[in-house]
Amino acid sequence: MMRKLVCRVSAVAPGENKGFLVPGIDVPVMVTNIGGTLYATTSMCPHEEVSLLGGRVDGARVVCPGHAYEFDVTTGRCPFDPELELFQYKTTIVDDLLYIELA
């Protein structure tokens, strides 16, 4: 396992998502703050590879700006299509820094 720094915890406000470039990962890592808990997922919608960055956050869901598919960032699941799932990164927080684990 390799740990990669993504961002400061304080960089993402509750109810917000932001993308961060991480060396070794082709697309930005999307970090979403749901009630003070940070979730790190791919920023690419698995439906048609549209960026989820800037998509509306509705509770624990992010809404794709391309076709309005919704994904629960706590599970990665899409309620409209159970075959679609966001890739989720295992996260670790040390002090004010959010890290993801890469296999």
N, C-alpha and C. Protein backbone atom coordinates (compact mmCIF):
# COMPACT_ATOMS: atom_id res chain seq x y z
N MET A 1 0.84 -1.19 0.00
CA MET A 1 0.00 0.00 0.00
C MET A 1 0.88 1.24 0.00
N MET A 2 0.40 2.22 -0.73
CA MET A 2 1.10 3.50 -0.79
C MET A 2 0.12 4.59 -0.38
N ARG A 3 0.56 5.45 0.50
CA ARG A 3 -0.28 6.56 0.96
C ARG A 3 0.09 7.81 0.17
N LYS A 4 -0.95 8.53 -0.31
CA LYS A 4 -0.75 9.76 -1.08
C LYS A 4 -1.52 10.90 -0.42
N LEU A 5 -0.86 12.03 -0.28
CA LEU A 5 -1.51 13.23 0.26
C LEU A 5 -2.48 13.79 -0.76
N VAL A 6 -3.69 14.12 -0.30
CA VAL A 6 -4.70 14.71 -1.18
C VAL A 6 -4.88 16.19 -0.89
N CYS A 7 -5.18 16.53 0.37
CA CYS A 7 -5.46 17.93 0.70
C CYS A 7 -5.50 18.10 2.21
N ARG A 8 -5.66 19.35 2.61
CA ARG A 8 -5.95 19.64 4.02
C ARG A 8 -7.43 19.34 4.27
N VAL A 9 -7.74 18.84 5.42
CA VAL A 9 -9.13 18.56 5.79
C VAL A 9 -9.95 19.85 5.70
N SER A 10 -9.36 20.95 6.11
CA SER A 10 -10.06 22.23 6.13
C SER A 10 -10.30 22.81 4.74
N ALA A 11 -9.77 22.18 3.69
CA ALA A 11 -9.92 22.70 2.31
C ALA A 11 -11.30 22.44 1.73
N VAL A 12 -12.07 21.52 2.34
CA VAL A 12 -13.39 21.17 1.80
C VAL A 12 -14.43 21.40 2.89
N ALA A 13 -15.29 22.38 2.67
CA ALA A 13 -16.32 22.74 3.65
C ALA A 13 -17.46 21.72 3.63
N PRO A 14 -18.21 21.60 4.74
CA PRO A 14 -19.37 20.70 4.75
C PRO A 14 -20.34 21.02 3.61
N GLY A 15 -20.82 19.97 2.95
CA GLY A 15 -21.76 20.13 1.85
C GLY A 15 -21.11 20.49 0.53
N GLU A 16 -19.80 20.38 0.46
CA GLU A 16 -19.06 20.79 -0.73
C GLU A 16 -18.23 19.61 -1.26
N ASN A 17 -17.93 19.65 -2.56
CA ASN A 17 -16.97 18.71 -3.11
C ASN A 17 -15.95 19.48 -3.93
N LYS A 18 -14.72 18.99 -3.91
CA LYS A 18 -13.62 19.62 -4.65
C LYS A 18 -12.74 18.52 -5.23
N GLY A 19 -12.07 18.88 -6.32
CA GLY A 19 -11.14 17.95 -6.94
C GLY A 19 -9.70 18.33 -6.64
N PHE A 20 -8.86 17.30 -6.50
CA PHE A 20 -7.45 17.51 -6.20
C PHE A 20 -6.61 16.60 -7.09
N LEU A 21 -5.60 17.18 -7.70
CA LEU A 21 -4.67 16.39 -8.50
C LEU A 21 -3.72 15.67 -7.57
N VAL A 22 -3.59 14.36 -7.78
CA VAL A 22 -2.73 13.53 -6.96
C VAL A 22 -1.76 12.82 -7.90
N PRO A 23 -0.46 12.96 -7.68
CA PRO A 23 0.51 12.29 -8.55
C PRO A 23 0.24 10.78 -8.64
N GLY A 24 0.25 10.28 -9.87
CA GLY A 24 0.02 8.85 -10.09
C GLY A 24 -1.42 8.48 -10.38
N ILE A 25 -2.34 9.46 -10.29
CA ILE A 25 -3.75 9.21 -10.58
C ILE A 25 -4.14 10.09 -11.76
N ASP A 26 -4.76 9.48 -12.78
CA ASP A 26 -5.05 10.18 -14.04
C ASP A 26 -6.10 11.28 -13.94
N VAL A 27 -7.11 11.10 -13.11
CA VAL A 27 -8.17 12.10 -12.98
C VAL A 27 -8.15 12.64 -11.54
N PRO A 28 -8.63 13.86 -11.35
CA PRO A 28 -8.63 14.40 -9.98
C PRO A 28 -9.41 13.50 -9.01
N VAL A 29 -8.93 13.48 -7.78
CA VAL A 29 -9.64 12.81 -6.70
C VAL A 29 -10.69 13.79 -6.19
N MET A 30 -11.94 13.34 -6.13
CA MET A 30 -13.02 14.18 -5.63
C MET A 30 -13.18 13.93 -4.14
N VAL A 31 -13.10 14.99 -3.37
CA VAL A 31 -13.30 14.91 -1.92
C VAL A 31 -14.60 15.62 -1.60
N THR A 32 -15.49 14.90 -0.92
CA THR A 32 -16.80 15.44 -0.55
C THR A 32 -16.92 15.44 0.96
N ASN A 33 -17.36 16.54 1.52
CA ASN A 33 -17.53 16.67 2.96
C ASN A 33 -19.01 16.52 3.28
N ILE A 34 -19.36 15.42 3.94
CA ILE A 34 -20.73 15.15 4.35
C ILE A 34 -20.77 15.22 5.87
N GLY A 35 -21.30 16.30 6.39
CA GLY A 35 -21.44 16.45 7.83
C GLY A 35 -20.13 16.38 8.59
N GLY A 36 -19.04 16.85 7.97
CA GLY A 36 -17.75 16.84 8.64
C GLY A 36 -16.91 15.60 8.36
N THR A 37 -17.47 14.61 7.68
CA THR A 37 -16.71 13.42 7.29
C THR A 37 -16.33 13.55 5.82
N LEU A 38 -15.05 13.29 5.53
CA LEU A 38 -14.57 13.41 4.16
C LEU A 38 -14.57 12.05 3.46
N TYR A 39 -15.07 12.05 2.23
CA TYR A 39 -15.08 10.86 1.39
C TYR A 39 -14.29 11.17 0.13
N ALA A 40 -13.44 10.26 -0.28
CA ALA A 40 -12.62 10.45 -1.47
C ALA A 40 -13.01 9.41 -2.52
N THR A 41 -13.38 9.91 -3.70
CA THR A 41 -13.79 9.03 -4.79
C THR A 41 -13.15 9.52 -6.09
N THR A 42 -13.34 8.74 -7.14
CA THR A 42 -12.96 9.25 -8.45
C THR A 42 -13.87 10.42 -8.78
N SER A 43 -13.38 11.33 -9.61
CA SER A 43 -14.20 12.48 -10.00
C SER A 43 -14.89 12.23 -11.34
N MET A 44 -14.73 11.03 -11.88
CA MET A 44 -15.28 10.71 -13.20
C MET A 44 -16.55 9.87 -13.04
N CYS A 45 -17.65 10.33 -13.63
CA CYS A 45 -18.90 9.58 -13.59
C CYS A 45 -18.73 8.29 -14.39
N PRO A 46 -19.08 7.15 -13.81
CA PRO A 46 -18.93 5.89 -14.54
C PRO A 46 -19.98 5.68 -15.63
N HIS A 47 -20.97 6.57 -15.70
CA HIS A 47 -22.00 6.44 -16.72
C HIS A 47 -21.43 6.79 -18.11
N GLU A 48 -20.90 8.00 -18.25
CA GLU A 48 -20.35 8.40 -19.54
C GLU A 48 -19.11 9.26 -19.39
N GLU A 49 -18.35 9.04 -18.32
CA GLU A 49 -17.08 9.71 -18.08
C GLU A 49 -17.17 11.23 -18.13
N VAL A 50 -18.20 11.77 -17.49
CA VAL A 50 -18.36 13.21 -17.30
C VAL A 50 -17.78 13.54 -15.93
N SER A 51 -17.11 14.67 -15.80
CA SER A 51 -16.57 15.06 -14.51
C SER A 51 -17.69 15.36 -13.52
N LEU A 52 -17.57 14.83 -12.32
CA LEU A 52 -18.54 15.11 -11.26
C LEU A 52 -18.20 16.39 -10.50
N LEU A 53 -17.03 16.94 -10.77
CA LEU A 53 -16.62 18.16 -10.08
C LEU A 53 -17.58 19.28 -10.45
N GLY A 54 -18.04 19.98 -9.46
CA GLY A 54 -19.02 21.02 -9.69
C GLY A 54 -20.45 20.49 -9.66
N GLY A 55 -20.58 19.15 -9.56
CA GLY A 55 -21.92 18.57 -9.44
C GLY A 55 -22.52 18.95 -8.10
N ARG A 56 -23.82 19.09 -8.08
CA ARG A 56 -24.54 19.48 -6.86
C ARG A 56 -24.44 18.38 -5.81
N VAL A 57 -24.19 18.77 -4.57
CA VAL A 57 -24.19 17.84 -3.45
C VAL A 57 -25.56 17.94 -2.79
N ASP A 58 -26.23 16.78 -2.68
CA ASP A 58 -27.57 16.72 -2.10
C ASP A 58 -27.54 15.66 -1.01
N GLY A 59 -27.35 16.11 0.24
CA GLY A 59 -27.18 15.15 1.32
C GLY A 59 -25.87 14.41 1.12
N ALA A 60 -25.94 13.07 1.06
CA ALA A 60 -24.74 12.26 0.82
C ALA A 60 -24.54 11.94 -0.66
N ARG A 61 -25.35 12.55 -1.50
CA ARG A 61 -25.27 12.25 -2.94
C ARG A 61 -24.67 13.41 -3.71
N VAL A 62 -23.91 13.05 -4.75
CA VAL A 62 -23.44 14.04 -5.70
C VAL A 62 -24.19 13.77 -7.00
N VAL A 63 -24.66 14.83 -7.63
CA VAL A 63 -25.46 14.72 -8.85
C VAL A 63 -24.57 15.09 -10.03
N CYS A 64 -24.46 14.18 -10.99
CA CYS A 64 -23.64 14.40 -12.17
C CYS A 64 -24.23 15.54 -13.00
N PRO A 65 -23.41 16.53 -13.36
CA PRO A 65 -23.92 17.63 -14.17
C PRO A 65 -24.22 17.23 -15.61
N GLY A 66 -23.75 16.06 -16.05
CA GLY A 66 -23.99 15.64 -17.43
C GLY A 66 -25.36 15.06 -17.67
N HIS A 67 -25.75 14.04 -16.89
CA HIS A 67 -27.02 13.36 -17.12
C HIS A 67 -27.84 13.17 -15.85
N ALA A 68 -27.46 13.88 -14.79
CA ALA A 68 -28.19 13.88 -13.51
C ALA A 68 -28.19 12.54 -12.79
N TYR A 69 -27.23 11.66 -13.12
CA TYR A 69 -27.09 10.45 -12.33
C TYR A 69 -26.62 10.86 -10.94
N GLU A 70 -27.10 10.15 -9.92
CA GLU A 70 -26.73 10.45 -8.54
C GLU A 70 -25.89 9.31 -7.99
N PHE A 71 -24.91 9.68 -7.16
CA PHE A 71 -24.06 8.69 -6.53
C PHE A 71 -23.94 9.01 -5.05
N ASP A 72 -24.14 8.00 -4.23
CA ASP A 72 -23.97 8.15 -2.79
C ASP A 72 -22.47 8.06 -2.52
N VAL A 73 -21.86 9.15 -2.07
CA VAL A 73 -20.40 9.13 -1.88
C VAL A 73 -19.98 8.29 -0.68
N THR A 74 -20.92 7.93 0.19
CA THR A 74 -20.56 7.09 1.34
C THR A 74 -20.45 5.61 0.94
N THR A 75 -21.10 5.23 -0.16
CA THR A 75 -21.07 3.83 -0.61
C THR A 75 -20.56 3.68 -2.04
N GLY A 76 -20.62 4.77 -2.81
CA GLY A 76 -20.25 4.72 -4.22
C GLY A 76 -21.40 4.30 -5.14
N ARG A 77 -22.51 3.91 -4.57
CA ARG A 77 -23.61 3.35 -5.35
C ARG A 77 -24.49 4.40 -6.03
N CYS A 78 -25.06 3.99 -7.17
CA CYS A 78 -26.00 4.81 -7.92
C CYS A 78 -27.39 4.21 -7.71
N PRO A 79 -28.36 4.95 -7.17
CA PRO A 79 -29.68 4.37 -6.93
C PRO A 79 -30.46 4.08 -8.22
N PHE A 80 -30.08 4.70 -9.33
CA PHE A 80 -30.79 4.51 -10.60
C PHE A 80 -30.29 3.29 -11.37
N ASP A 81 -29.03 2.94 -11.17
CA ASP A 81 -28.42 1.84 -11.91
C ASP A 81 -27.43 1.12 -11.01
N PRO A 82 -27.83 -0.02 -10.45
CA PRO A 82 -26.97 -0.72 -9.50
C PRO A 82 -25.65 -1.22 -10.11
N GLU A 83 -25.53 -1.18 -11.42
CA GLU A 83 -24.27 -1.61 -12.05
C GLU A 83 -23.23 -0.49 -12.07
N LEU A 84 -23.67 0.74 -11.83
CA LEU A 84 -22.75 1.87 -11.81
C LEU A 84 -22.30 2.15 -10.38
N GLU A 85 -21.00 2.34 -10.21
CA GLU A 85 -20.49 2.59 -8.87
C GLU A 85 -19.23 3.46 -8.97
N LEU A 86 -19.15 4.46 -8.12
CA LEU A 86 -17.96 5.30 -8.05
C LEU A 86 -16.85 4.54 -7.36
N PHE A 87 -15.64 4.67 -7.87
CA PHE A 87 -14.50 4.09 -7.18
C PHE A 87 -14.22 4.92 -5.94
N GLN A 88 -14.07 4.25 -4.81
CA GLN A 88 -13.81 4.93 -3.55
C GLN A 88 -12.40 4.62 -3.07
N TYR A 89 -11.77 5.63 -2.51
CA TYR A 89 -10.44 5.46 -1.93
C TYR A 89 -10.56 5.31 -0.42
N LYS A 90 -9.75 4.44 0.14
CA LYS A 90 -9.65 4.34 1.60
C LYS A 90 -8.89 5.57 2.06
N THR A 91 -9.41 6.24 3.07
CA THR A 91 -8.81 7.49 3.54
C THR A 91 -8.23 7.35 4.94
N THR A 92 -7.26 8.21 5.20
CA THR A 92 -6.65 8.35 6.51
C THR A 92 -6.46 9.83 6.76
N ILE A 93 -6.75 10.26 7.97
CA ILE A 93 -6.52 11.65 8.34
C ILE A 93 -5.44 11.69 9.42
N VAL A 94 -4.43 12.52 9.18
CA VAL A 94 -3.37 12.74 10.15
C VAL A 94 -3.27 14.24 10.34
N ASP A 95 -3.53 14.69 11.57
CA ASP A 95 -3.60 16.12 11.87
C ASP A 95 -4.66 16.73 10.95
N ASP A 96 -4.29 17.69 10.11
CA ASP A 96 -5.25 18.34 9.20
C ASP A 96 -5.04 17.88 7.76
N LEU A 97 -4.46 16.70 7.56
CA LEU A 97 -4.13 16.23 6.23
C LEU A 97 -4.91 14.96 5.88
N LEU A 98 -5.52 14.96 4.69
CA LEU A 98 -6.26 13.81 4.19
C LEU A 98 -5.37 13.03 3.21
N TYR A 99 -5.23 11.74 3.47
CA TYR A 99 -4.46 10.86 2.60
C TYR A 99 -5.38 9.79 2.03
N ILE A 100 -5.03 9.27 0.86
CA ILE A 100 -5.70 8.10 0.31
C ILE A 100 -4.68 6.98 0.21
N GLU A 101 -5.19 5.76 0.23
CA GLU A 101 -4.34 4.58 0.11
C GLU A 101 -4.46 4.05 -1.32
N LEU A 102 -3.33 3.80 -1.94
CA LEU A 102 -3.29 3.19 -3.26
C LEU A 102 -2.72 1.79 -3.15
N ALA A 103 -3.33 0.85 -3.86
CA ALA A 103 -2.86 -0.55 -3.81
C ALA A 103 -1.58 -0.70 -4.58
